[in-house]
Amino acid sequence: MNLHIDRLDLDLRGIDPPLAEAAVRLLGPALQAALARGGVAEAAAAAAAAPGAGVPIDAGRIAPAADAPALAQRLAARIAGAIAPERQRG
C-alpha cells in the first residue's frame, strides 16, 4: 500500500533557517523510516479513512534539536503519529 501526501505545510518559526532547511531536506527519508517502523499500510489506511482528510493536522510543538537529522526525525515521528494516531495508543 502507498501513502500519497499532496501537501505538507510546516511552521518552523523560531528554528534557525539553515537548520530548518537542512531538516526539511532530510524529512522524506526520515518520514519513510518512521512510517516503516509503524507500518505504512496502517498509516495509509488511517489517512484514507479519516473523515477530515485534507484538513490541517496540528502535530504539536517539537522540542528544539541541535542538528538537522535529529530535527527531521522528530518532525517525521510527529507527522507519522498524526497520520495514524491509533498506533501511538496501542
PDB file of N, CA and C in Angstrom:
ATOM      1  N   MET A   1       0.847  -1.170   0.000  1.00  0.00           N
ATOM      2  CA  MET A   1       0.000   0.000   0.000  1.00  0.00           C
ATOM      3  C   MET A   1       0.897   1.239   0.000  1.00  0.00           C
ATOM      4  N   ASN A   2       0.465   2.257  -0.688  1.00  0.00           N
ATOM      5  CA  ASN A   2       1.216   3.509  -0.776  1.00  0.00           C
ATOM      6  C   ASN A   2       0.491   4.615  -0.049  1.00  0.00           C
ATOM      7  N   LEU A   3       1.247   5.561   0.407  1.00  0.00           N
ATOM      8  CA  LEU A   3       0.707   6.756   1.046  1.00  0.00           C
ATOM      9  C   LEU A   3       1.149   7.944   0.209  1.00  0.00           C
ATOM     10  N   HIS A   4       0.190   8.741  -0.240  1.00  0.00           N
ATOM     11  CA  HIS A   4       0.494   9.903  -1.066  1.00  0.00           C
ATOM     12  C   HIS A   4       0.135  11.159  -0.279  1.00  0.00           C
ATOM     13  N   ILE A   5       1.104  12.018  -0.083  1.00  0.00           N
ATOM     14  CA  ILE A   5       0.881  13.290   0.609  1.00  0.00           C
ATOM     15  C   ILE A   5       0.944  14.384  -0.437  1.00  0.00           C
ATOM     16  N   ASP A   6      -0.192  15.039  -0.670  1.00  0.00           N
ATOM     17  CA  ASP A   6      -0.248  16.094  -1.677  1.00  0.00           C
ATOM     18  C   ASP A   6       0.465  17.356  -1.224  1.00  0.00           C
ATOM     19  N   ARG A   7       0.318  17.666   0.051  1.00  0.00           N
ATOM     20  CA  ARG A   7       0.856  18.935   0.536  1.00  0.00           C
ATOM     21  C   ARG A   7       1.176  18.805   2.016  1.00  0.00           C
ATOM     22  N   LEU A   8       2.270  19.399   2.404  1.00  0.00           N
ATOM     23  CA  LEU A   8       2.682  19.395   3.795  1.00  0.00           C
ATOM     24  C   LEU A   8       3.203  20.786   4.132  1.00  0.00           C
ATOM     25  N   ASP A   9       2.500  21.470   5.016  1.00  0.00           N
ATOM     26  CA  ASP A   9       2.917  22.805   5.451  1.00  0.00           C
ATOM     27  C   ASP A   9       3.540  22.676   6.826  1.00  0.00           C
ATOM     28  N   LEU A  10       4.746  23.157   6.965  1.00  0.00           N
ATOM     29  CA  LEU A  10       5.448  23.113   8.239  1.00  0.00           C
ATOM     30  C   LEU A  10       5.661  24.533   8.745  1.00  0.00           C
ATOM     31  N   ASP A  11       5.352  24.745  10.003  1.00  0.00           N
ATOM     32  CA  ASP A  11       5.592  26.037  10.637  1.00  0.00           C
ATOM     33  C   ASP A  11       6.825  25.861  11.517  1.00  0.00           C
ATOM     34  N   LEU A  12       7.941  26.351  11.063  1.00  0.00           N
ATOM     35  CA  LEU A  12       9.206  26.168  11.778  1.00  0.00           C
ATOM     36  C   LEU A  12       9.720  27.494  12.344  1.00  0.00           C
ATOM     37  N   ARG A  13       8.778  28.325  12.784  1.00  0.00           N
ATOM     38  CA  ARG A  13       9.182  29.590  13.406  1.00  0.00           C
ATOM     39  C   ARG A  13      10.059  29.313  14.614  1.00  0.00           C
ATOM     40  N   GLY A  14      11.060  30.144  14.785  1.00  0.00           N
ATOM     41  CA  GLY A  14      11.946  30.027  15.932  1.00  0.00           C
ATOM     42  C   GLY A  14      13.101  29.067  15.725  1.00  0.00           C
ATOM     43  N   ILE A  15      13.130  28.406  14.584  1.00  0.00           N
ATOM     44  CA  ILE A  15      14.232  27.487  14.279  1.00  0.00           C
ATOM     45  C   ILE A  15      15.153  28.179  13.288  1.00  0.00           C
ATOM     46  N   ASP A  16      16.438  28.077  13.526  1.00  0.00           N
ATOM     47  CA  ASP A  16      17.444  28.688  12.653  1.00  0.00           C
ATOM     48  C   ASP A  16      17.164  28.286  11.202  1.00  0.00           C
ATOM     49  N   PRO A  17      17.018  29.247  10.270  1.00  0.00           N
ATOM     50  CA  PRO A  17      16.657  28.920   8.890  1.00  0.00           C
ATOM     51  C   PRO A  17      17.542  27.868   8.207  1.00  0.00           C
ATOM     52  N   PRO A  18      18.886  27.935   8.318  1.00  0.00           N
ATOM     53  CA  PRO A  18      19.680  26.877   7.680  1.00  0.00           C
ATOM     54  C   PRO A  18      19.415  25.488   8.286  1.00  0.00           C
ATOM     55  N   LEU A  19      19.184  25.437   9.601  1.00  0.00           N
ATOM     56  CA  LEU A  19      18.865  24.165  10.250  1.00  0.00           C
ATOM     57  C   LEU A  19      17.510  23.654   9.766  1.00  0.00           C
ATOM     58  N   ALA A  20      16.520  24.539   9.686  1.00  0.00           N
ATOM     59  CA  ALA A  20      15.190  24.149   9.218  1.00  0.00           C
ATOM     60  C   ALA A  20      15.256  23.639   7.783  1.00  0.00           C
ATOM     61  N   GLU A  21      15.983  24.327   6.924  1.00  0.00           N
ATOM     62  CA  GLU A  21      16.084  23.906   5.527  1.00  0.00           C
ATOM     63  C   GLU A  21      16.750  22.539   5.412  1.00  0.00           C
ATOM     64  N   ALA A  22      17.816  22.337   6.143  1.00  0.00           N
ATOM     65  CA  ALA A  22      18.507  21.045   6.103  1.00  0.00           C
ATOM     66  C   ALA A  22      17.606  19.928   6.631  1.00  0.00           C
ATOM     67  N   ALA A  23      16.851  20.199   7.689  1.00  0.00           N
ATOM     68  CA  ALA A  23      15.953  19.185   8.257  1.00  0.00           C
ATOM     69  C   ALA A  23      14.849  18.826   7.273  1.00  0.00           C
ATOM     70  N   VAL A  24      14.305  19.823   6.591  1.00  0.00           N
ATOM     71  CA  VAL A  24      13.236  19.557   5.624  1.00  0.00           C
ATOM     72  C   VAL A  24      13.766  18.716   4.461  1.00  0.00           C
ATOM     73  N   ARG A  25      15.003  18.936   4.069  1.00  0.00           N
ATOM     74  CA  ARG A  25      15.596  18.118   3.001  1.00  0.00           C
ATOM     75  C   ARG A  25      15.735  16.654   3.435  1.00  0.00           C
ATOM     76  N   LEU A  26      15.905  16.421   4.718  1.00  0.00           N
ATOM     77  CA  LEU A  26      16.047  15.065   5.256  1.00  0.00           C
ATOM     78  C   LEU A  26      14.703  14.460   5.680  1.00  0.00           C
ATOM     79  N   LEU A  27      13.640  15.233   5.585  1.00  0.00           N
ATOM     80  CA  LEU A  27      12.346  14.785   6.089  1.00  0.00           C
ATOM     81  C   LEU A  27      11.776  13.581   5.337  1.00  0.00           C
ATOM     82  N   GLY A  28      11.934  13.535   4.026  1.00  0.00           N
ATOM     83  CA  GLY A  28      11.388  12.417   3.246  1.00  0.00           C
ATOM     84  C   GLY A  28      11.903  11.072   3.745  1.00  0.00           C
ATOM     85  N   PRO A  29      13.224  10.878   3.774  1.00  0.00           N
ATOM     86  CA  PRO A  29      13.751   9.603   4.278  1.00  0.00           C
ATOM     87  C   PRO A  29      13.393   9.350   5.743  1.00  0.00           C
ATOM     88  N   ALA A  30      13.365  10.404   6.556  1.00  0.00           N
ATOM     89  CA  ALA A  30      13.014  10.229   7.966  1.00  0.00           C
ATOM     90  C   ALA A  30      11.557   9.813   8.116  1.00  0.00           C
ATOM     91  N   LEU A  31      10.665  10.395   7.307  1.00  0.00           N
ATOM     92  CA  LEU A  31       9.256  10.022   7.361  1.00  0.00           C
ATOM     93  C   LEU A  31       9.058   8.594   6.855  1.00  0.00           C
ATOM     94  N   GLN A  32       9.772   8.235   5.817  1.00  0.00           N
ATOM     95  CA  GLN A  32       9.695   6.862   5.313  1.00  0.00           C
ATOM     96  C   GLN A  32      10.101   5.872   6.409  1.00  0.00           C
ATOM     97  N   ALA A  33      11.162   6.174   7.121  1.00  0.00           N
ATOM     98  CA  ALA A  33      11.621   5.290   8.202  1.00  0.00           C
ATOM     99  C   ALA A  33      10.615   5.240   9.346  1.00  0.00           C
ATOM    100  N   ALA A  34      10.038   6.401   9.710  1.00  0.00           N
ATOM    101  CA  ALA A  34       9.060   6.439  10.801  1.00  0.00           C
ATOM    102  C   ALA A  34       7.818   5.641  10.442  1.00  0.00           C
ATOM    103  N   LEU A  35       7.366   5.761   9.211  1.00  0.00           N
ATOM    104  CA  LEU A  35       6.191   5.001   8.778  1.00  0.00           C
ATOM    105  C   LEU A  35       6.497   3.520   8.666  1.00  0.00           C
ATOM    106  N   ALA A  36       7.702   3.180   8.259  1.00  0.00           N
ATOM    107  CA  ALA A  36       8.077   1.762   8.156  1.00  0.00           C
ATOM    108  C   ALA A  36       8.083   1.102   9.525  1.00  0.00           C
ATOM    109  N   ARG A  37       8.518   1.845  10.531  1.00  0.00           N
ATOM    110  CA  ARG A  37       8.515   1.295  11.889  1.00  0.00           C
ATOM    111  C   ARG A  37       7.101   1.015  12.367  1.00  0.00           C
ATOM    112  N   GLY A  38       6.151   1.864  11.961  1.00  0.00           N
ATOM    113  CA  GLY A  38       4.781   1.712  12.424  1.00  0.00           C
ATOM    114  C   GLY A  38       3.875   1.015  11.428  1.00  0.00           C
ATOM    115  N   GLY A  39       4.339   0.813  10.238  1.00  0.00           N
ATOM    116  CA  GLY A  39       3.525   0.161   9.216  1.00  0.00           C
ATOM    117  C   GLY A  39       2.893   1.172   8.285  1.00  0.00           C
ATOM    118  N   VAL A  40       3.439   1.314   7.092  1.00  0.00           N
ATOM    119  CA  VAL A  40       2.909   2.282   6.132  1.00  0.00           C
ATOM    120  C   VAL A  40       1.489   1.916   5.724  1.00  0.00           C
ATOM    121  N   ALA A  41       1.152   0.636   5.700  1.00  0.00           N
ATOM    122  CA  ALA A  41      -0.200   0.234   5.328  1.00  0.00           C
ATOM    123  C   ALA A  41      -1.206   0.763   6.348  1.00  0.00           C
ATOM    124  N   GLU A  42      -0.870   0.678   7.634  1.00  0.00           N
ATOM    125  CA  GLU A  42      -1.757   1.205   8.677  1.00  0.00           C
ATOM    126  C   GLU A  42      -1.949   2.701   8.514  1.00  0.00           C
ATOM    127  N   ALA A  43      -0.857   3.407   8.297  1.00  0.00           N
ATOM    128  CA  ALA A  43      -0.929   4.863   8.167  1.00  0.00           C
ATOM    129  C   ALA A  43      -1.735   5.261   6.938  1.00  0.00           C
ATOM    130  N   ALA A  44      -1.526   4.572   5.829  1.00  0.00           N
ATOM    131  CA  ALA A  44      -2.252   4.890   4.603  1.00  0.00           C
ATOM    132  C   ALA A  44      -3.733   4.609   4.777  1.00  0.00           C
ATOM    133  N   ALA A  45      -4.068   3.494   5.400  1.00  0.00           N
ATOM    134  CA  ALA A  45      -5.478   3.159   5.623  1.00  0.00           C
ATOM    135  C   ALA A  45      -6.128   4.178   6.556  1.00  0.00           C
ATOM    136  N   ALA A  46      -5.431   4.569   7.595  1.00  0.00           N
ATOM    137  CA  ALA A  46      -5.972   5.550   8.534  1.00  0.00           C
ATOM    138  C   ALA A  46      -6.167   6.895   7.845  1.00  0.00           C
ATOM    139  N   ALA A  47      -5.228   7.285   7.020  1.00  0.00           N
ATOM    140  CA  ALA A  47      -5.338   8.562   6.315  1.00  0.00           C
ATOM    141  C   ALA A  47      -6.493   8.536   5.328  1.00  0.00           C
ATOM    142  N   ALA A  48      -6.665   7.415   4.628  1.00  0.00           N
ATOM    143  CA  ALA A  48      -7.742   7.302   3.652  1.00  0.00           C
ATOM    144  C   ALA A  48      -9.109   7.284   4.326  1.00  0.00           C
ATOM    145  N   ALA A  49      -9.178   6.700   5.511  1.00  0.00           N
ATOM    146  CA  ALA A  49     -10.450   6.576   6.219  1.00  0.00           C
ATOM    147  C   ALA A  49     -10.777   7.803   7.063  1.00  0.00           C
ATOM    148  N   ALA A  50      -9.818   8.719   7.192  1.00  0.00           N
ATOM    149  CA  ALA A  50     -10.030   9.890   8.049  1.00  0.00           C
ATOM    150  C   ALA A  50     -11.151  10.747   7.497  1.00  0.00           C
ATOM    151  N   PRO A  51     -12.174  11.033   8.319  1.00  0.00           N
ATOM    152  CA  PRO A  51     -13.282  11.848   7.834  1.00  0.00           C
ATOM    153  C   PRO A  51     -12.858  13.262   7.481  1.00  0.00           C
ATOM    154  N   GLY A  52     -11.790  13.755   8.084  1.00  0.00           N
ATOM    155  CA  GLY A  52     -11.319  15.110   7.814  1.00  0.00           C
ATOM    156  C   GLY A  52     -10.143  15.133   6.865  1.00  0.00           C
ATOM    157  N   ALA A  53     -10.073  14.178   5.951  1.00  0.00           N
ATOM    158  CA  ALA A  53      -8.949  14.122   5.019  1.00  0.00           C
ATOM    159  C   ALA A  53      -8.795  15.477   4.338  1.00  0.00           C
ATOM    160  N   GLY A  54      -7.592  15.976   4.303  1.00  0.00           N
ATOM    161  CA  GLY A  54      -7.318  17.273   3.704  1.00  0.00           C
ATOM    162  C   GLY A  54      -7.415  18.423   4.690  1.00  0.00           C
ATOM    163  N   VAL A  55      -7.827  18.121   5.909  1.00  0.00           N
ATOM    164  CA  VAL A  55      -7.926  19.136   6.947  1.00  0.00           C
ATOM    165  C   VAL A  55      -6.593  19.215   7.672  1.00  0.00           C
ATOM    166  N   PRO A  56      -6.137  20.405   8.015  1.00  0.00           N
ATOM    167  CA  PRO A  56      -4.844  20.516   8.701  1.00  0.00           C
ATOM    168  C   PRO A  56      -4.800  19.702   9.999  1.00  0.00           C
ATOM    169  N   ILE A  57      -3.674  19.099  10.256  1.00  0.00           N
ATOM    170  CA  ILE A  57      -3.428  18.349  11.484  1.00  0.00           C
ATOM    171  C   ILE A  57      -2.327  19.083  12.229  1.00  0.00           C
ATOM    172  N   ASP A  58      -2.579  19.404  13.469  1.00  0.00           N
ATOM    173  CA  ASP A  58      -1.572  20.061  14.294  1.00  0.00           C
ATOM    174  C   ASP A  58      -0.769  18.982  15.002  1.00  0.00           C
ATOM    175  N   ALA A  59       0.493  18.870  14.641  1.00  0.00           N
ATOM    176  CA  ALA A  59       1.344  17.839  15.241  1.00  0.00           C
ATOM    177  C   ALA A  59       1.947  18.308  16.557  1.00  0.00           C
ATOM    178  N   GLY A  60       1.625  19.512  16.966  1.00  0.00           N
ATOM    179  CA  GLY A  60       2.122  20.000  18.249  1.00  0.00           C
ATOM    180  C   GLY A  60       3.506  20.614  18.156  1.00  0.00           C
ATOM    181  N   ARG A  61       4.008  20.975  19.307  1.00  0.00           N
ATOM    182  CA  ARG A  61       5.339  21.587  19.365  1.00  0.00           C
ATOM    183  C   ARG A  61       6.416  20.517  19.289  1.00  0.00           C
ATOM    184  N   ILE A  62       7.504  20.858  18.642  1.00  0.00           N
ATOM    185  CA  ILE A  62       8.653  19.971  18.511  1.00  0.00           C
ATOM    186  C   ILE A  62       9.767  20.533  19.385  1.00  0.00           C
ATOM    187  N   ALA A  63      10.347  19.684  20.199  1.00  0.00           N
ATOM    188  CA  ALA A  63      11.478  20.127  21.024  1.00  0.00           C
ATOM    189  C   ALA A  63      12.628  20.531  20.112  1.00  0.00           C
ATOM    190  N   PRO A  64      13.361  21.572  20.483  1.00  0.00           N
ATOM    191  CA  PRO A  64      14.481  22.005  19.650  1.00  0.00           C
ATOM    192  C   PRO A  64      15.515  20.893  19.471  1.00  0.00           C
ATOM    193  N   ALA A  65      16.158  20.907  18.327  1.00  0.00           N
ATOM    194  CA  ALA A  65      17.202  19.926  18.048  1.00  0.00           C
ATOM    195  C   ALA A  65      18.459  20.675  17.635  1.00  0.00           C
ATOM    196  N   ALA A  66      19.598  20.099  17.951  1.00  0.00           N
ATOM    197  CA  ALA A  66      20.874  20.742  17.644  1.00  0.00           C
ATOM    198  C   ALA A  66      21.321  20.489  16.216  1.00  0.00           C
ATOM    199  N   ASP A  67      20.804  19.419  15.604  1.00  0.00           N
ATOM    200  CA  ASP A  67      21.236  19.129  14.241  1.00  0.00           C
ATOM    201  C   ASP A  67      20.045  18.740  13.362  1.00  0.00           C
ATOM    202  N   ALA A  68      20.254  18.850  12.059  1.00  0.00           N
ATOM    203  CA  ALA A  68      19.184  18.615  11.094  1.00  0.00           C
ATOM    204  C   ALA A  68      18.640  17.185  11.134  1.00  0.00           C
ATOM    205  N   PRO A  69      19.486  16.151  11.218  1.00  0.00           N
ATOM    206  CA  PRO A  69      18.922  14.791  11.259  1.00  0.00           C
ATOM    207  C   PRO A  69      18.001  14.572  12.465  1.00  0.00           C
ATOM    208  N   ALA A  70      18.373  15.099  13.614  1.00  0.00           N
ATOM    209  CA  ALA A  70      17.530  14.938  14.810  1.00  0.00           C
ATOM    210  C   ALA A  70      16.209  15.675  14.636  1.00  0.00           C
ATOM    211  N   LEU A  71      16.249  16.875  14.075  1.00  0.00           N
ATOM    212  CA  LEU A  71      15.025  17.634  13.847  1.00  0.00           C
ATOM    213  C   LEU A  71      14.142  16.922  12.832  1.00  0.00           C
ATOM    214  N   ALA A  72      14.737  16.409  11.760  1.00  0.00           N
ATOM    215  CA  ALA A  72      13.968  15.679  10.742  1.00  0.00           C
ATOM    216  C   ALA A  72      13.304  14.451  11.348  1.00  0.00           C
ATOM    217  N   GLN A  73      14.002  13.733  12.204  1.00  0.00           N
ATOM    218  CA  GLN A  73      13.427  12.550  12.845  1.00  0.00           C
ATOM    219  C   GLN A  73      12.273  12.927  13.759  1.00  0.00           C
ATOM    220  N   ARG A  74      12.407  14.017  14.494  1.00  0.00           N
ATOM    221  CA  ARG A  74      11.323  14.461  15.380  1.00  0.00           C
ATOM    222  C   ARG A  74      10.099  14.882  14.581  1.00  0.00           C
ATOM    223  N   LEU A  75      10.328  15.633  13.502  1.00  0.00           N
ATOM    224  CA  LEU A  75       9.216  16.038  12.647  1.00  0.00           C
ATOM    225  C   LEU A  75       8.534  14.813  12.045  1.00  0.00           C
ATOM    226  N   ALA A  76       9.324  13.874  11.549  1.00  0.00           N
ATOM    227  CA  ALA A  76       8.775  12.669  10.925  1.00  0.00           C
ATOM    228  C   ALA A  76       7.959  11.848  11.916  1.00  0.00           C
ATOM    229  N   ALA A  77       8.448  11.725  13.127  1.00  0.00           N
ATOM    230  CA  ALA A  77       7.715  10.966  14.144  1.00  0.00           C
ATOM    231  C   ALA A  77       6.370  11.617  14.439  1.00  0.00           C
ATOM    232  N   ARG A  78       6.344  12.948  14.511  1.00  0.00           N
ATOM    233  CA  ARG A  78       5.097  13.659  14.775  1.00  0.00           C
ATOM    234  C   ARG A  78       4.130  13.525  13.609  1.00  0.00           C
ATOM    235  N   ILE A  79       4.638  13.629  12.388  1.00  0.00           N
ATOM    236  CA  ILE A  79       3.777  13.510  11.207  1.00  0.00           C
ATOM    237  C   ILE A  79       3.203  12.095  11.125  1.00  0.00           C
ATOM    238  N   ALA A  80       4.054  11.100  11.317  1.00  0.00           N
ATOM    239  CA  ALA A  80       3.589   9.703  11.282  1.00  0.00           C
ATOM    240  C   ALA A  80       2.538   9.471  12.362  1.00  0.00           C
ATOM    241  N   GLY A  81       2.751  10.025  13.535  1.00  0.00           N
ATOM    242  CA  GLY A  81       1.782   9.889  14.614  1.00  0.00           C
ATOM    243  C   GLY A  81       0.465  10.587  14.313  1.00  0.00           C
ATOM    244  N   ALA A  82       0.528  11.732  13.613  1.00  0.00           N
ATOM    245  CA  ALA A  82      -0.682  12.458  13.256  1.00  0.00           C
ATOM    246  C   ALA A  82      -1.472  11.739  12.159  1.00  0.00           C
ATOM    247  N   ILE A  83      -0.756  11.048  11.277  1.00  0.00           N
ATOM    248  CA  ILE A  83      -1.425  10.304  10.205  1.00  0.00           C
ATOM    249  C   ILE A  83      -2.188   9.115  10.777  1.00  0.00           C
ATOM    250  N   ALA A  84      -1.590   8.412  11.702  1.00  0.00           N
ATOM    251  CA  ALA A  84      -2.209   7.213  12.273  1.00  0.00           C
ATOM    252  C   ALA A  84      -2.091   7.250  13.797  1.00  0.00           C
ATOM    253  N   PRO A  85      -2.881   8.117  14.455  1.00  0.00           N
ATOM    254  CA  PRO A  85      -2.744   8.278  15.899  1.00  0.00           C
ATOM    255  C   PRO A  85      -3.066   7.026  16.700  1.00  0.00           C
ATOM    256  N   GLU A  86      -3.855   6.121  16.158  1.00  0.00           N
ATOM    257  CA  GLU A  86      -4.184   4.907  16.905  1.00  0.00           C
ATOM    258  C   GLU A  86      -2.964   4.045  17.145  1.00  0.00           C
ATOM    259  N   ARG A  87      -1.933   4.188  16.327  1.00  0.00           N
ATOM    260  CA  ARG A  87      -0.694   3.432  16.544  1.00  0.00           C
ATOM    261  C   ARG A  87      -0.013   3.892  17.821  1.00  0.00           C
ATOM    262  N   GLN A  88      -0.135   5.176  18.125  1.00  0.00           N
ATOM    263  CA  GLN A  88       0.523   5.717  19.316  1.00  0.00           C
ATOM    264  C   GLN A  88      -0.134   5.196  20.594  1.00  0.00           C
ATOM    265  N   ARG A  89      -1.445   4.937  20.535  1.00  0.00           N
ATOM    266  CA  ARG A  89      -2.184   4.475  21.708  1.00  0.00           C
ATOM    267  C   ARG A  89      -2.002   2.995  21.963  1.00  0.00           C
ATOM    268  N   GLY A  90      -1.815   2.226  20.882  1.00  0.00           N
ATOM    269  CA  GLY A  90      -1.760   0.770  21.000  1.00  0.00           C
ATOM    270  C   GLY A  90      -0.456   0.315  21.457  1.00  0.00           C
TER     271      GLY A  90
END
